[in-house]
Each structure stands twice: as C-alpha cells, then as structure tokens.
C-alpha cells in the first residue's frame, strides 16, 4: 500500500490566491475593500482548519479518508465575526 502524504496549505498563500482574481461589484472603495478582506480572512481561516483536519487524519491511523475530510470541510462554519 502506498504511503499517504499529508497535505498542508500555507494559509497566507492560499488566501492571496483566493482573492487574487476577485473583483467585487462595488463602486465604493471601502465596501470593496471590506469584501476583499472578508474573503481573504475566510480563505485564511479555512486553510488553517483544513490543516488541522489533515493533521488529524494522519494521527494514529484514525482511518479518515478523503471523503471524510471533504465532509469535515463542508461542515466548517465561520465562528469568527467579521
């Protein structure tokens, strides 16, 4: 059986990639900046949560596979007020 390799995201790079092509529909610069910042922070914290889930998957052969990891990601809710 092939050895599983843990994937870890760099939260900062991931967040920059997510907002890199994002063009909010806002004429007001402040509103547009807020939308971009919210998207950046959401992506950053999502990457951190993914890393935690991925690390857990490799701890003590927990039996977690990709489908369970995907389900766990789908269940992540923002617990931070932006």
N, C-alpha and C. Protein backbone atom coordinates (compact mmCIF):
# COMPACT_ATOMS: atom_id res chain seq x y z
N UNK A 1 0.85 -1.18 0.00
CA UNK A 1 0.00 0.00 0.00
C UNK A 1 0.90 1.24 0.00
N UNK A 2 0.58 2.19 -0.84
CA UNK A 2 1.38 3.41 -0.93
C UNK A 2 1.21 4.25 0.33
N UNK A 3 2.29 4.88 0.71
CA UNK A 3 2.27 5.74 1.90
C UNK A 3 1.48 7.01 1.59
N UNK A 4 0.57 7.36 2.47
CA UNK A 4 -0.19 8.60 2.30
C UNK A 4 0.70 9.77 2.66
N UNK A 5 0.56 10.84 1.90
CA UNK A 5 1.32 12.04 2.18
C UNK A 5 0.37 13.13 2.67
N UNK A 6 0.75 13.73 3.76
CA UNK A 6 -0.06 14.80 4.33
C UNK A 6 0.08 16.06 3.49
N UNK A 7 -1.04 16.72 3.25
CA UNK A 7 -1.06 17.98 2.52
C UNK A 7 -1.26 19.09 3.54
N UNK A 8 -0.40 20.06 3.51
CA UNK A 8 -0.56 21.23 4.37
C UNK A 8 -0.57 22.47 3.49
N UNK A 9 -1.57 23.30 3.70
CA UNK A 9 -1.68 24.55 2.94
C UNK A 9 -0.98 25.67 3.67
N UNK A 10 -0.38 26.56 2.93
CA UNK A 10 0.14 27.79 3.50
C UNK A 10 -1.05 28.76 3.51
N UNK A 11 -1.60 29.06 4.70
CA UNK A 11 -2.81 29.88 4.75
C UNK A 11 -2.67 31.23 4.04
N UNK A 12 -1.53 31.86 4.17
CA UNK A 12 -1.34 33.17 3.54
C UNK A 12 -1.34 33.05 2.02
N UNK A 13 -0.58 32.12 1.48
CA UNK A 13 -0.55 31.93 0.02
C UNK A 13 -1.92 31.53 -0.51
N UNK A 14 -2.60 30.65 0.22
CA UNK A 14 -3.93 30.21 -0.20
C UNK A 14 -4.89 31.40 -0.25
N UNK A 15 -4.88 32.21 0.79
CA UNK A 15 -5.79 33.37 0.85
C UNK A 15 -5.48 34.37 -0.26
N UNK A 16 -4.19 34.61 -0.52
CA UNK A 16 -3.82 35.53 -1.61
C UNK A 16 -4.31 34.98 -2.96
N UNK A 17 -4.21 33.68 -3.13
CA UNK A 17 -4.67 33.07 -4.38
C UNK A 17 -6.18 33.22 -4.53
N UNK A 18 -6.91 33.03 -3.45
CA UNK A 18 -8.37 33.15 -3.49
C UNK A 18 -8.79 34.56 -3.87
N UNK A 19 -8.15 35.57 -3.30
CA UNK A 19 -8.57 36.95 -3.59
C UNK A 19 -7.89 37.53 -4.82
N UNK A 20 -6.90 36.83 -5.35
CA UNK A 20 -6.11 37.35 -6.46
C UNK A 20 -6.94 37.81 -7.66
N UNK A 21 -7.94 37.06 -8.02
CA UNK A 21 -8.74 37.40 -9.19
C UNK A 21 -10.13 37.90 -8.80
N UNK A 22 -10.36 38.10 -7.53
CA UNK A 22 -11.69 38.53 -7.06
C UNK A 22 -11.90 39.99 -7.35
N UNK A 23 -13.00 40.30 -8.01
CA UNK A 23 -13.36 41.67 -8.35
C UNK A 23 -14.78 41.93 -7.82
N UNK A 24 -14.89 42.48 -6.62
CA UNK A 24 -16.24 42.71 -6.08
C UNK A 24 -16.99 43.77 -6.89
N UNK A 25 -18.30 43.60 -6.95
CA UNK A 25 -19.18 44.55 -7.66
C UNK A 25 -19.52 45.71 -6.73
N UNK A 26 -18.58 46.54 -6.47
CA UNK A 26 -18.79 47.69 -5.59
C UNK A 26 -18.10 48.91 -6.19
N UNK A 27 -18.84 50.00 -6.26
CA UNK A 27 -18.26 51.25 -6.72
C UNK A 27 -17.50 51.93 -5.59
N UNK A 28 -17.95 51.70 -4.37
CA UNK A 28 -17.35 52.31 -3.19
C UNK A 28 -16.09 51.52 -2.80
N UNK A 29 -14.96 52.20 -2.74
CA UNK A 29 -13.69 51.54 -2.41
C UNK A 29 -13.69 50.89 -1.04
N UNK A 30 -14.30 51.54 -0.06
CA UNK A 30 -14.33 50.98 1.28
C UNK A 30 -15.13 49.67 1.31
N UNK A 31 -16.29 49.67 0.68
CA UNK A 31 -17.10 48.45 0.63
C UNK A 31 -16.37 47.33 -0.11
N UNK A 32 -15.72 47.69 -1.22
CA UNK A 32 -14.97 46.69 -1.99
C UNK A 32 -13.83 46.13 -1.15
N UNK A 33 -13.13 46.99 -0.44
CA UNK A 33 -12.02 46.55 0.41
C UNK A 33 -12.50 45.63 1.52
N UNK A 34 -13.64 45.94 2.09
CA UNK A 34 -14.20 45.09 3.15
C UNK A 34 -14.54 43.70 2.60
N UNK A 35 -15.12 43.66 1.42
CA UNK A 35 -15.47 42.37 0.82
C UNK A 35 -14.21 41.55 0.54
N UNK A 36 -13.19 42.21 0.03
CA UNK A 36 -11.93 41.52 -0.26
C UNK A 36 -11.29 41.01 1.04
N UNK A 37 -11.30 41.84 2.06
CA UNK A 37 -10.72 41.44 3.35
C UNK A 37 -11.49 40.27 3.95
N UNK A 38 -12.82 40.31 3.88
CA UNK A 38 -13.62 39.19 4.40
C UNK A 38 -13.31 37.91 3.64
N UNK A 39 -13.17 38.02 2.34
CA UNK A 39 -12.85 36.82 1.54
C UNK A 39 -11.45 36.31 1.89
N UNK A 40 -10.50 37.23 2.05
CA UNK A 40 -9.13 36.84 2.42
C UNK A 40 -9.13 36.11 3.76
N UNK A 41 -9.77 36.71 4.76
CA UNK A 41 -9.78 36.11 6.10
C UNK A 41 -10.52 34.77 6.11
N UNK A 42 -11.61 34.69 5.37
CA UNK A 42 -12.33 33.42 5.29
C UNK A 42 -11.44 32.33 4.69
N UNK A 43 -10.73 32.66 3.63
CA UNK A 43 -9.84 31.69 2.99
C UNK A 43 -8.68 31.32 3.92
N UNK A 44 -8.15 32.31 4.62
CA UNK A 44 -7.03 32.07 5.54
C UNK A 44 -7.45 31.10 6.64
N UNK A 45 -8.59 31.38 7.28
CA UNK A 45 -9.04 30.52 8.37
C UNK A 45 -9.49 29.16 7.87
N UNK A 46 -10.04 29.08 6.67
CA UNK A 46 -10.40 27.80 6.09
C UNK A 46 -9.15 26.94 5.88
N UNK A 47 -8.08 27.55 5.39
CA UNK A 47 -6.83 26.81 5.19
C UNK A 47 -6.30 26.29 6.53
N UNK A 48 -6.40 27.11 7.57
CA UNK A 48 -5.96 26.66 8.90
C UNK A 48 -6.79 25.47 9.37
N UNK A 49 -8.10 25.54 9.18
CA UNK A 49 -8.98 24.44 9.58
C UNK A 49 -8.67 23.18 8.77
N UNK A 50 -8.42 23.36 7.48
CA UNK A 50 -8.05 22.21 6.64
C UNK A 50 -6.78 21.56 7.19
N UNK A 51 -5.79 22.38 7.53
CA UNK A 51 -4.54 21.84 8.04
C UNK A 51 -4.76 21.04 9.33
N UNK A 52 -5.64 21.54 10.19
CA UNK A 52 -5.95 20.81 11.42
C UNK A 52 -6.60 19.47 11.10
N UNK A 53 -7.56 19.48 10.18
CA UNK A 53 -8.24 18.25 9.80
C UNK A 53 -7.27 17.27 9.16
N UNK A 54 -6.42 17.78 8.31
CA UNK A 54 -5.44 16.93 7.62
C UNK A 54 -4.46 16.33 8.61
N UNK A 55 -4.01 17.11 9.57
CA UNK A 55 -3.10 16.60 10.59
C UNK A 55 -3.79 15.50 11.40
N UNK A 56 -5.04 15.73 11.75
CA UNK A 56 -5.81 14.73 12.50
C UNK A 56 -5.94 13.43 11.71
N UNK A 57 -6.08 13.54 10.40
CA UNK A 57 -6.22 12.37 9.56
C UNK A 57 -5.01 11.45 9.69
N UNK A 58 -3.84 12.03 9.90
CA UNK A 58 -2.61 11.24 9.94
C UNK A 58 -2.20 10.84 11.35
N UNK A 59 -2.92 11.29 12.36
CA UNK A 59 -2.60 10.92 13.73
C UNK A 59 -3.12 9.53 14.02
N UNK A 60 -2.29 8.69 14.49
CA UNK A 60 -2.66 7.37 15.00
C UNK A 60 -3.58 6.59 14.05
N UNK A 61 -3.33 6.71 12.76
CA UNK A 61 -4.13 5.95 11.78
C UNK A 61 -5.62 6.04 12.08
N UNK A 62 -6.13 7.24 12.13
CA UNK A 62 -7.52 7.46 12.52
C UNK A 62 -8.52 6.85 11.54
N UNK A 63 -8.04 6.37 10.40
CA UNK A 63 -8.95 5.76 9.44
C UNK A 63 -9.70 6.77 8.60
N UNK A 64 -9.35 8.02 8.71
CA UNK A 64 -10.02 9.06 7.95
C UNK A 64 -9.53 9.01 6.50
N UNK A 65 -10.42 9.16 5.55
CA UNK A 65 -10.02 9.19 4.16
C UNK A 65 -10.49 10.50 3.52
N UNK A 66 -10.25 10.64 2.23
CA UNK A 66 -10.57 11.90 1.55
C UNK A 66 -12.04 12.26 1.67
N UNK A 67 -12.92 11.28 1.54
CA UNK A 67 -14.36 11.60 1.59
C UNK A 67 -14.74 12.14 2.97
N UNK A 68 -14.16 11.58 4.03
CA UNK A 68 -14.43 12.10 5.37
C UNK A 68 -13.83 13.48 5.56
N UNK A 69 -12.66 13.70 4.99
CA UNK A 69 -12.03 15.01 5.06
C UNK A 69 -12.89 16.05 4.33
N UNK A 70 -13.41 15.69 3.17
CA UNK A 70 -14.27 16.60 2.42
C UNK A 70 -15.55 16.92 3.19
N UNK A 71 -16.12 15.90 3.84
CA UNK A 71 -17.32 16.13 4.65
C UNK A 71 -17.01 17.06 5.82
N UNK A 72 -15.86 16.87 6.43
CA UNK A 72 -15.47 17.73 7.55
C UNK A 72 -15.29 19.17 7.08
N UNK A 73 -14.69 19.35 5.90
CA UNK A 73 -14.54 20.71 5.36
C UNK A 73 -15.89 21.34 5.09
N UNK A 74 -16.83 20.57 4.56
CA UNK A 74 -18.17 21.10 4.28
C UNK A 74 -18.88 21.54 5.55
N UNK A 75 -18.52 20.93 6.66
CA UNK A 75 -19.21 21.25 7.92
C UNK A 75 -18.59 22.44 8.66
N UNK A 76 -17.48 22.96 8.16
CA UNK A 76 -16.84 24.10 8.82
C UNK A 76 -17.73 25.33 8.68
N UNK A 77 -18.01 25.95 9.78
CA UNK A 77 -18.77 27.20 9.82
C UNK A 77 -17.85 28.28 10.38
N UNK A 78 -18.08 29.48 9.94
CA UNK A 78 -17.29 30.59 10.45
C UNK A 78 -17.70 30.88 11.88
N UNK A 79 -16.76 30.73 12.81
CA UNK A 79 -17.05 31.02 14.19
C UNK A 79 -16.54 32.41 14.58
N UNK A 80 -15.99 33.09 13.60
CA UNK A 80 -15.46 34.42 13.85
C UNK A 80 -16.43 35.46 13.27
N UNK A 81 -16.58 36.54 13.96
CA UNK A 81 -17.42 37.62 13.46
C UNK A 81 -16.54 38.57 12.65
N UNK A 82 -16.86 38.70 11.39
CA UNK A 82 -16.07 39.59 10.52
C UNK A 82 -16.81 40.87 10.28
